[in-house]
């Protein structure tokens, strides 16, 4: 029996998702979805389920490699997994993480971003606030789309002091709003907000013209992202914003992936129990 999955409607008729697609979805008010994937097999399943964006995240350091943070992940790791995802992808838009300290200088930023794009990424993601504005501008003006990641930024976990909600303090919230606007003005094409209060995420999403993806940021962002292993209920740690979609699936992993897409599109997920005040 062949290991190749048989063609299906999603695989044969789906048009490739582009950045323009995501912008139009925001403008129309339709929610879209993002999931992590790290190999060809899951990239195919995720994209065939209708997920618009695949994030090849440095989260692989924790869910695949067994580290206690994302910091040990290298450029070689990211290139390997992005190239694997590209081979399995069936039309999703691929975003690749720039790993820890891979964008510490202008030369490093350009060279490493170009390497990930050659491996198959269509956009790169970098973590930070105002301090990544110059890098964002540098990449954007050279044709490399940028997803800026704000809020809880796992690469800064030692400075933050733990996995805590960001933006509850009014002054910090005001700073995050200003930084989000700065990053959009600097050329960021997407903003990802992680672990921020629902009201702050809503305010930023409504203020920006670029799509905002949330994780632990409430239901009002333009899109939702989850780590694949969290969605399948196999991660050792279960944060508040995680839902196990496999538990109620009647069609195994495929059903769990489709359930995630449907519940985000129907605004059933995330619920109040997955959000922060």
C-alpha atoms as a PDB file:
ATOM      1  CA  UNK A   1       0.000   0.000   0.000  1.00  0.00           C
ATOM      2  CA  UNK A   2       1.457   3.378  -0.999  1.00  0.00           C
ATOM      3  CA  UNK A   3       2.429   5.825   1.756  1.00  0.00           C
ATOM      4  CA  UNK A   4       1.245   8.646  -0.470  1.00  0.00           C
ATOM      5  CA  UNK A   5      -2.173   9.957   0.518  1.00  0.00           C
ATOM      6  CA  UNK A   6      -4.773   9.898  -2.219  1.00  0.00           C
ATOM      7  CA  UNK A   7      -5.669  13.238  -3.833  1.00  0.00           C
ATOM      8  CA  UNK A   8      -8.627  15.034  -2.341  1.00  0.00           C
ATOM      9  CA  UNK A   9     -10.635  18.111  -3.144  1.00  0.00           C
ATOM     10  CA  UNK A  10      -8.645  20.415  -0.835  1.00  0.00           C
ATOM     11  CA  UNK A  11      -5.359  19.276  -2.353  1.00  0.00           C
ATOM     12  CA  UNK A  12      -6.352  19.539  -6.004  1.00  0.00           C
ATOM     13  CA  UNK A  13      -8.426  22.734  -6.023  1.00  0.00           C
ATOM     14  CA  UNK A  14      -7.046  24.976  -3.285  1.00  0.00           C
ATOM     15  CA  UNK A  15      -5.382  28.137  -4.497  1.00  0.00           C
ATOM     16  CA  UNK A  16      -2.136  29.048  -2.798  1.00  0.00           C
ATOM     17  CA  UNK A  17      -2.496  31.473   0.090  1.00  0.00           C
ATOM     18  CA  UNK A  18      -0.444  34.655  -0.306  1.00  0.00           C
ATOM     19  CA  UNK A  19       0.114  37.721   1.825  1.00  0.00           C
ATOM     20  CA  UNK A  20      -2.501  39.485  -0.301  1.00  0.00           C
ATOM     21  CA  UNK A  21      -4.960  36.718   0.613  1.00  0.00           C
ATOM     22  CA  UNK A  22      -4.400  37.347   4.323  1.00  0.00           C
ATOM     23  CA  UNK A  23      -4.809  41.108   3.964  1.00  0.00           C
ATOM     24  CA  UNK A  24      -8.099  40.611   2.096  1.00  0.00           C
ATOM     25  CA  UNK A  25      -9.326  38.279   4.840  1.00  0.00           C
ATOM     26  CA  UNK A  26      -8.651  40.965   7.441  1.00  0.00           C
ATOM     27  CA  UNK A  27     -10.406  43.575   5.349  1.00  0.00           C
ATOM     28  CA  UNK A  28     -13.449  41.336   4.914  1.00  0.00           C
ATOM     29  CA  UNK A  29     -13.579  40.451   8.614  1.00  0.00           C
ATOM     30  CA  UNK A  30     -13.111  36.725   7.986  1.00  0.00           C
ATOM     31  CA  UNK A  31     -10.929  34.970  10.538  1.00  0.00           C
ATOM     32  CA  UNK A  32      -8.009  32.857   9.336  1.00  0.00           C
ATOM     33  CA  UNK A  33      -5.882  30.170  10.941  1.00  0.00           C
ATOM     34  CA  UNK A  34      -2.231  29.432  11.572  1.00  0.00           C
ATOM     35  CA  UNK A  35      -0.657  26.219  12.880  1.00  0.00           C
ATOM     36  CA  UNK A  36       2.886  25.109  13.453  1.00  0.00           C
ATOM     37  CA  UNK A  37       4.276  22.214  11.435  1.00  0.00           C
ATOM     38  CA  UNK A  38       7.806  20.888  11.288  1.00  0.00           C
ATOM     39  CA  UNK A  39       7.798  18.102   8.692  1.00  0.00           C
ATOM     40  CA  UNK A  40       6.390  17.239   5.265  1.00  0.00           C
ATOM     41  CA  UNK A  41       3.706  14.824   6.490  1.00  0.00           C
ATOM     42  CA  UNK A  42       2.075  17.208   8.928  1.00  0.00           C
ATOM     43  CA  UNK A  43       2.533  20.148   6.544  1.00  0.00           C
ATOM     44  CA  UNK A  44       0.410  18.272   4.020  1.00  0.00           C
ATOM     45  CA  UNK A  45      -2.285  17.409   6.589  1.00  0.00           C
ATOM     46  CA  UNK A  46      -2.394  20.946   7.989  1.00  0.00           C
ATOM     47  CA  UNK A  47      -2.589  22.629   4.594  1.00  0.00           C
ATOM     48  CA  UNK A  48      -5.192  20.182   3.278  1.00  0.00           C
ATOM     49  CA  UNK A  49      -7.340  20.939   6.341  1.00  0.00           C
ATOM     50  CA  UNK A  50      -7.634  24.525   5.109  1.00  0.00           C
ATOM     51  CA  UNK A  51      -5.156  26.218   7.444  1.00  0.00           C
ATOM     52  CA  UNK A  52      -4.013  29.383   5.692  1.00  0.00           C
ATOM     53  CA  UNK A  53      -0.630  29.853   7.412  1.00  0.00           C
ATOM     54  CA  UNK A  54       1.959  27.300   8.500  1.00  0.00           C
ATOM     55  CA  UNK A  55       4.432  28.585  11.068  1.00  0.00           C
ATOM     56  CA  UNK A  56       7.676  26.657  11.215  1.00  0.00           C
ATOM     57  CA  UNK A  57       8.356  27.820  14.734  1.00  0.00           C
ATOM     58  CA  UNK A  58      11.395  27.636  16.940  1.00  0.00           C
ATOM     59  CA  UNK A  59       8.910  25.949  19.280  1.00  0.00           C
ATOM     60  CA  UNK A  60      10.405  22.825  17.701  1.00  0.00           C
ATOM     61  CA  UNK A  61      13.151  23.184  20.286  1.00  0.00           C
ATOM     62  CA  UNK A  62      10.651  22.270  22.982  1.00  0.00           C
ATOM     63  CA  UNK A  63       8.141  19.949  21.274  1.00  0.00           C
ATOM     64  CA  UNK A  64      10.598  18.048  19.034  1.00  0.00           C
ATOM     65  CA  UNK A  65      14.007  18.390  20.644  1.00  0.00           C
ATOM     66  CA  UNK A  66      12.983  18.297  24.305  1.00  0.00           C
ATOM     67  CA  UNK A  67      14.627  21.538  25.422  1.00  0.00           C
ATOM     68  CA  UNK A  68      13.093  23.659  28.166  1.00  0.00           C
ATOM     69  CA  UNK A  69      13.098  26.769  25.959  1.00  0.00           C
ATOM     70  CA  UNK A  70      13.490  27.815  22.322  1.00  0.00           C
ATOM     71  CA  UNK A  71      16.981  29.237  22.852  1.00  0.00           C
ATOM     72  CA  UNK A  72      19.040  26.204  21.702  1.00  0.00           C
ATOM     73  CA  UNK A  73      17.410  26.149  18.240  1.00  0.00           C
ATOM     74  CA  UNK A  74      19.904  26.932  15.458  1.00  0.00           C
ATOM     75  CA  UNK A  75      19.694  28.224  11.905  1.00  0.00           C
ATOM     76  CA  UNK A  76      20.561  24.737  10.653  1.00  0.00           C
ATOM     77  CA  UNK A  77      17.557  23.382  12.561  1.00  0.00           C
ATOM     78  CA  UNK A  78      15.264  25.979  11.011  1.00  0.00           C
ATOM     79  CA  UNK A  79      16.550  25.410   7.473  1.00  0.00           C
ATOM     80  CA  UNK A  80      16.048  21.653   7.802  1.00  0.00           C
ATOM     81  CA  UNK A  81      12.481  21.912   9.065  1.00  0.00           C
ATOM     82  CA  UNK A  82      11.405  24.724   6.718  1.00  0.00           C
ATOM     83  CA  UNK A  83      12.651  22.789   3.700  1.00  0.00           C
ATOM     84  CA  UNK A  84      10.797  19.695   4.929  1.00  0.00           C
ATOM     85  CA  UNK A  85       7.563  21.652   5.389  1.00  0.00           C
ATOM     86  CA  UNK A  86       7.879  23.199   1.929  1.00  0.00           C
ATOM     87  CA  UNK A  87       7.955  19.753   0.325  1.00  0.00           C
ATOM     88  CA  UNK A  88       4.740  18.679   2.052  1.00  0.00           C
ATOM     89  CA  UNK A  89       2.832  21.945   1.850  1.00  0.00           C
ATOM     90  CA  UNK A  90      -0.303  22.134  -0.310  1.00  0.00           C
ATOM     91  CA  UNK A  91      -0.965  25.834  -0.638  1.00  0.00           C
ATOM     92  CA  UNK A  92      -0.523  27.325   2.844  1.00  0.00           C
ATOM     93  CA  UNK A  93       1.601  30.430   3.395  1.00  0.00           C
ATOM     94  CA  UNK A  94       4.859  29.462   5.140  1.00  0.00           C
ATOM     95  CA  UNK A  95       6.311  31.644   7.901  1.00  0.00           C
ATOM     96  CA  UNK A  96       9.704  30.727   9.344  1.00  0.00           C
ATOM     97  CA  UNK A  97      11.078  31.773  12.740  1.00  0.00           C
ATOM     98  CA  UNK A  98      14.423  33.500  12.984  1.00  0.00           C
ATOM     99  CA  UNK A  99      16.003  31.684  15.950  1.00  0.00           C
ATOM    100  CA  UNK A 100      17.614  33.231  19.004  1.00  0.00           C
ATOM    101  CA  UNK A 101      20.444  35.696  18.213  1.00  0.00           C
ATOM    102  CA  UNK A 102      20.151  35.143  14.455  1.00  0.00           C
ATOM    103  CA  UNK A 103      19.240  38.819  13.865  1.00  0.00           C
ATOM    104  CA  UNK A 104      21.624  40.606  16.231  1.00  0.00           C
ATOM    105  CA  UNK A 105      23.278  42.698  13.488  1.00  0.00           C
ATOM    106  CA  UNK A 106      22.228  44.024  10.089  1.00  0.00           C
ATOM    107  CA  UNK A 107      24.503  41.661   8.178  1.00  0.00           C
ATOM    108  CA  UNK A 108      23.403  38.670  10.236  1.00  0.00           C
ATOM    109  CA  UNK A 109      19.741  39.608   9.836  1.00  0.00           C
ATOM    110  CA  UNK A 110      19.901  39.867   6.047  1.00  0.00           C
ATOM    111  CA  UNK A 111      21.990  36.735   5.529  1.00  0.00           C
ATOM    112  CA  UNK A 112      19.932  34.541   7.856  1.00  0.00           C
ATOM    113  CA  UNK A 113      16.581  35.797   6.569  1.00  0.00           C
ATOM    114  CA  UNK A 114      17.697  35.141   2.999  1.00  0.00           C
ATOM    115  CA  UNK A 115      18.766  31.631   3.995  1.00  0.00           C
ATOM    116  CA  UNK A 116      15.312  30.854   5.439  1.00  0.00           C
ATOM    117  CA  UNK A 117      13.583  32.277   2.367  1.00  0.00           C
ATOM    118  CA  UNK A 118      15.734  30.087   0.099  1.00  0.00           C
ATOM    119  CA  UNK A 119      14.770  27.082   2.235  1.00  0.00           C
ATOM    120  CA  UNK A 120      11.085  27.734   1.544  1.00  0.00           C
ATOM    121  CA  UNK A 121       9.806  30.405   3.929  1.00  0.00           C
ATOM    122  CA  UNK A 122       7.615  33.110   2.392  1.00  0.00           C
ATOM    123  CA  UNK A 123       7.896  35.356   5.421  1.00  0.00           C
ATOM    124  CA  UNK A 124      10.173  35.457   8.436  1.00  0.00           C
ATOM    125  CA  UNK A 125       9.160  36.095  12.044  1.00  0.00           C
ATOM    126  CA  UNK A 126      11.232  38.050  14.540  1.00  0.00           C
ATOM    127  CA  UNK A 127      10.513  38.717  18.211  1.00  0.00           C
ATOM    128  CA  UNK A 128      10.611  42.066  19.920  1.00  0.00           C
ATOM    129  CA  UNK A 129       9.163  45.543  20.172  1.00  0.00           C
ATOM    130  CA  UNK A 130      10.578  48.890  19.098  1.00  0.00           C
ATOM    131  CA  UNK A 131      14.116  47.521  18.974  1.00  0.00           C
ATOM    132  CA  UNK A 132      13.317  45.351  15.924  1.00  0.00           C
ATOM    133  CA  UNK A 133      11.934  48.301  13.927  1.00  0.00           C
ATOM    134  CA  UNK A 134      15.237  48.864  12.099  1.00  0.00           C
ATOM    135  CA  UNK A 135      15.561  45.161  11.249  1.00  0.00           C
ATOM    136  CA  UNK A 136      11.949  45.111  10.074  1.00  0.00           C
ATOM    137  CA  UNK A 137      12.552  48.084   7.788  1.00  0.00           C
ATOM    138  CA  UNK A 138      15.818  46.611   6.521  1.00  0.00           C
ATOM    139  CA  UNK A 139      14.152  43.328   5.551  1.00  0.00           C
ATOM    140  CA  UNK A 140      10.957  44.828   4.159  1.00  0.00           C
ATOM    141  CA  UNK A 141      12.730  47.242   1.828  1.00  0.00           C
ATOM    142  CA  UNK A 142      14.666  44.281   0.402  1.00  0.00           C
ATOM    143  CA  UNK A 143      11.543  42.281  -0.345  1.00  0.00           C
ATOM    144  CA  UNK A 144      11.481  39.984   2.687  1.00  0.00           C
ATOM    145  CA  UNK A 145       8.060  40.077   4.414  1.00  0.00           C
ATOM    146  CA  UNK A 146       8.204  40.301   8.202  1.00  0.00           C
ATOM    147  CA  UNK A 147       5.905  39.017  10.941  1.00  0.00           C
ATOM    148  CA  UNK A 148       6.692  40.911  14.142  1.00  0.00           C
ATOM    149  CA  UNK A 149       6.089  38.955  17.355  1.00  0.00           C
ATOM    150  CA  UNK A 150       5.137  40.981  20.439  1.00  0.00           C
ATOM    151  CA  UNK A 151       3.810  40.313  23.931  1.00  0.00           C
ATOM    152  CA  UNK A 152       5.283  37.200  25.466  1.00  0.00           C
ATOM    153  CA  UNK A 153       8.426  36.617  23.409  1.00  0.00           C
ATOM    154  CA  UNK A 154       9.907  33.210  24.305  1.00  0.00           C
ATOM    155  CA  UNK A 155      13.413  34.115  23.126  1.00  0.00           C
ATOM    156  CA  UNK A 156      13.479  36.775  25.872  1.00  0.00           C
ATOM    157  CA  UNK A 157      12.249  34.424  28.576  1.00  0.00           C
ATOM    158  CA  UNK A 158      15.315  34.935  30.780  1.00  0.00           C
ATOM    159  CA  UNK A 159      14.808  38.703  30.747  1.00  0.00           C
ATOM    160  CA  UNK A 160      11.023  38.491  31.238  1.00  0.00           C
ATOM    161  CA  UNK A 161      11.495  36.031  34.103  1.00  0.00           C
ATOM    162  CA  UNK A 162       8.887  33.462  33.094  1.00  0.00           C
ATOM    163  CA  UNK A 163       5.888  32.828  30.871  1.00  0.00           C
ATOM    164  CA  UNK A 164       3.713  35.706  32.064  1.00  0.00           C
ATOM    165  CA  UNK A 165       0.908  37.723  30.456  1.00  0.00           C
ATOM    166  CA  UNK A 166       2.259  40.970  29.005  1.00  0.00           C
ATOM    167  CA  UNK A 167       0.447  44.326  28.838  1.00  0.00           C
ATOM    168  CA  UNK A 168      -1.719  44.271  31.955  1.00  0.00           C
ATOM    169  CA  UNK A 169       0.009  47.331  33.369  1.00  0.00           C
ATOM    170  CA  UNK A 170      -1.484  50.465  31.707  1.00  0.00           C
ATOM    171  CA  UNK A 171       1.933  51.938  30.933  1.00  0.00           C
ATOM    172  CA  UNK A 172       3.120  48.690  29.402  1.00  0.00           C
ATOM    173  CA  UNK A 173      -0.098  48.486  27.360  1.00  0.00           C
ATOM    174  CA  UNK A 174       0.410  52.015  26.036  1.00  0.00           C
ATOM    175  CA  UNK A 175       3.985  51.156  25.120  1.00  0.00           C
ATOM    176  CA  UNK A 176       2.867  48.012  23.282  1.00  0.00           C
ATOM    177  CA  UNK A 177       0.300  49.982  21.280  1.00  0.00           C
ATOM    178  CA  UNK A 178       2.944  52.515  20.252  1.00  0.00           C
ATOM    179  CA  UNK A 179       5.420  49.771  19.367  1.00  0.00           C
ATOM    180  CA  UNK A 180       2.837  47.907  17.275  1.00  0.00           C
ATOM    181  CA  UNK A 181       2.161  51.072  15.303  1.00  0.00           C
ATOM    182  CA  UNK A 182       5.894  51.656  14.882  1.00  0.00           C
ATOM    183  CA  UNK A 183       6.456  48.138  13.562  1.00  0.00           C
ATOM    184  CA  UNK A 184       3.634  48.514  11.046  1.00  0.00           C
ATOM    185  CA  UNK A 185       5.115  51.841   9.918  1.00  0.00           C
ATOM    186  CA  UNK A 186       8.524  50.157   9.651  1.00  0.00           C
ATOM    187  CA  UNK A 187       7.162  47.623   7.172  1.00  0.00           C
ATOM    188  CA  UNK A 188       5.902  44.659   9.182  1.00  0.00           C
ATOM    189  CA  UNK A 189       3.296  42.770   7.148  1.00  0.00           C
ATOM    190  CA  UNK A 190       1.801  40.777  10.050  1.00  0.00           C
ATOM    191  CA  UNK A 191       1.827  41.178  13.813  1.00  0.00           C
ATOM    192  CA  UNK A 192       1.656  38.223  16.199  1.00  0.00           C
ATOM    193  CA  UNK A 193       0.493  38.876  19.762  1.00  0.00           C
ATOM    194  CA  UNK A 194       1.165  36.251  22.422  1.00  0.00           C
ATOM    195  CA  UNK A 195      -0.301  36.202  25.932  1.00  0.00           C
ATOM    196  CA  UNK A 196      -1.768  39.687  26.121  1.00  0.00           C
ATOM    197  CA  UNK A 197      -5.098  40.799  27.621  1.00  0.00           C
ATOM    198  CA  UNK A 198      -8.082  40.419  25.306  1.00  0.00           C
ATOM    199  CA  UNK A 199      -8.971  44.120  25.402  1.00  0.00           C
ATOM    200  CA  UNK A 200      -5.440  45.182  24.460  1.00  0.00           C
ATOM    201  CA  UNK A 201      -5.310  42.670  21.603  1.00  0.00           C
ATOM    202  CA  UNK A 202      -8.654  43.959  20.304  1.00  0.00           C
ATOM    203  CA  UNK A 203      -7.449  47.550  20.441  1.00  0.00           C
ATOM    204  CA  UNK A 204      -4.254  46.787  18.549  1.00  0.00           C
ATOM    205  CA  UNK A 205      -6.066  44.631  15.962  1.00  0.00           C
ATOM    206  CA  UNK A 206      -8.582  47.393  15.230  1.00  0.00           C
ATOM    207  CA  UNK A 207      -5.871  50.054  15.075  1.00  0.00           C
ATOM    208  CA  UNK A 208      -3.573  48.316  12.577  1.00  0.00           C
ATOM    209  CA  UNK A 209      -4.245  47.752   8.889  1.00  0.00           C
ATOM    210  CA  UNK A 210      -2.007  44.667   8.799  1.00  0.00           C
ATOM    211  CA  UNK A 211      -3.368  41.277   9.972  1.00  0.00           C
ATOM    212  CA  UNK A 212      -2.914  40.459  13.651  1.00  0.00           C
ATOM    213  CA  UNK A 213      -2.516  36.819  14.711  1.00  0.00           C
ATOM    214  CA  UNK A 214      -3.174  35.932  18.328  1.00  0.00           C
ATOM    215  CA  UNK A 215      -2.253  33.169  20.724  1.00  0.00           C
ATOM    216  CA  UNK A 216      -3.571  33.660  24.219  1.00  0.00           C
ATOM    217  CA  UNK A 217      -4.773  37.074  23.020  1.00  0.00           C
ATOM    218  CA  UNK A 218      -8.529  36.527  22.961  1.00  0.00           C
ATOM    219  CA  UNK A 219     -10.999  36.105  20.088  1.00  0.00           C
ATOM    220  CA  UNK A 220     -10.780  39.555  18.490  1.00  0.00           C
ATOM    221  CA  UNK A 221      -7.521  39.239  16.576  1.00  0.00           C
ATOM    222  CA  UNK A 222      -7.743  38.586  12.843  1.00  0.00           C
ATOM    223  CA  UNK A 223      -6.368  35.051  13.176  1.00  0.00           C
ATOM    224  CA  UNK A 224      -5.454  32.389  15.704  1.00  0.00           C
ATOM    225  CA  UNK A 225      -2.282  30.337  15.925  1.00  0.00           C
ATOM    226  CA  UNK A 226      -1.623  27.171  17.918  1.00  0.00           C
ATOM    227  CA  UNK A 227       1.290  24.823  18.304  1.00  0.00           C
ATOM    228  CA  UNK A 228       0.374  21.567  16.568  1.00  0.00           C
ATOM    229  CA  UNK A 229       1.325  19.429  19.553  1.00  0.00           C
ATOM    230  CA  UNK A 230      -0.925  21.535  21.810  1.00  0.00           C
ATOM    231  CA  UNK A 231      -3.856  21.134  19.425  1.00  0.00           C
ATOM    232  CA  UNK A 232      -3.366  17.358  19.490  1.00  0.00           C
ATOM    233  CA  UNK A 233      -3.090  17.250  23.282  1.00  0.00           C
ATOM    234  CA  UNK A 234       0.389  15.741  23.342  1.00  0.00           C
ATOM    235  CA  UNK A 235       2.429  18.623  24.788  1.00  0.00           C
ATOM    236  CA  UNK A 236       3.680  18.047  28.343  1.00  0.00           C
ATOM    237  CA  UNK A 237       2.491  21.523  29.411  1.00  0.00           C
ATOM    238  CA  UNK A 238      -1.018  22.851  28.778  1.00  0.00           C
ATOM    239  CA  UNK A 239      -1.248  26.664  28.914  1.00  0.00           C
ATOM    240  CA  UNK A 240      -4.619  28.302  29.532  1.00  0.00           C
ATOM    241  CA  UNK A 241      -5.013  29.321  25.866  1.00  0.00           C
ATOM    242  CA  UNK A 242      -4.623  25.756  24.560  1.00  0.00           C
ATOM    243  CA  UNK A 243      -7.472  23.495  23.466  1.00  0.00           C
ATOM    244  CA  UNK A 244      -7.176  19.772  22.705  1.00  0.00           C
ATOM    245  CA  UNK A 245      -9.079  19.407  19.423  1.00  0.00           C
ATOM    246  CA  UNK A 246      -8.199  15.726  19.051  1.00  0.00           C
ATOM    247  CA  UNK A 247     -10.214  14.763  22.125  1.00  0.00           C
ATOM    248  CA  UNK A 248     -13.570  15.441  20.448  1.00  0.00           C
ATOM    249  CA  UNK A 249     -12.590  14.536  16.897  1.00  0.00           C
ATOM    250  CA  UNK A 250     -14.483  11.756  15.132  1.00  0.00           C
ATOM    251  CA  UNK A 251     -11.880  11.613  12.372  1.00  0.00           C
ATOM    252  CA  UNK A 252      -8.608  11.479  14.250  1.00  0.00           C
ATOM    253  CA  UNK A 253      -5.919  14.019  13.450  1.00  0.00           C
ATOM    254  CA  UNK A 254      -7.590  15.214  10.240  1.00  0.00           C
ATOM    255  CA  UNK A 255     -10.794  15.884  12.145  1.00  0.00           C
ATOM    256  CA  UNK A 256      -8.915  17.763  14.866  1.00  0.00           C
ATOM    257  CA  UNK A 257      -7.265  20.018  12.304  1.00  0.00           C
ATOM    258  CA  UNK A 258     -10.549  20.667  10.519  1.00  0.00           C
ATOM    259  CA  UNK A 259     -12.248  21.311  13.870  1.00  0.00           C
ATOM    260  CA  UNK A 260      -9.681  23.987  14.691  1.00  0.00           C
ATOM    261  CA  UNK A 261     -10.256  25.715  11.345  1.00  0.00           C
ATOM    262  CA  UNK A 262     -14.025  25.588  11.679  1.00  0.00           C
ATOM    263  CA  UNK A 263     -14.123  26.817  15.260  1.00  0.00           C
ATOM    264  CA  UNK A 264     -11.838  29.762  14.510  1.00  0.00           C
ATOM    265  CA  UNK A 265     -13.849  30.669  11.400  1.00  0.00           C
ATOM    266  CA  UNK A 266     -17.117  30.396  13.355  1.00  0.00           C
ATOM    267  CA  UNK A 267     -15.664  32.427  16.235  1.00  0.00           C
ATOM    268  CA  UNK A 268     -16.170  29.555  18.666  1.00  0.00           C
ATOM    269  CA  UNK A 269     -12.463  29.433  19.525  1.00  0.00           C
ATOM    270  CA  UNK A 270     -10.910  30.894  21.535  1.00  0.00           C
ATOM    271  CA  UNK A 271     -13.531  31.174  24.249  1.00  0.00           C
ATOM    272  CA  UNK A 272     -13.380  33.128  27.507  1.00  0.00           C
ATOM    273  CA  UNK A 273     -11.638  30.188  29.167  1.00  0.00           C
ATOM    274  CA  UNK A 274      -8.719  30.548  26.697  1.00  0.00           C
ATOM    275  CA  UNK A 275      -8.307  34.327  27.107  1.00  0.00           C
ATOM    276  CA  UNK A 276      -6.749  36.728  29.603  1.00  0.00           C
ATOM    277  CA  UNK A 277      -8.357  39.799  31.191  1.00  0.00           C
END
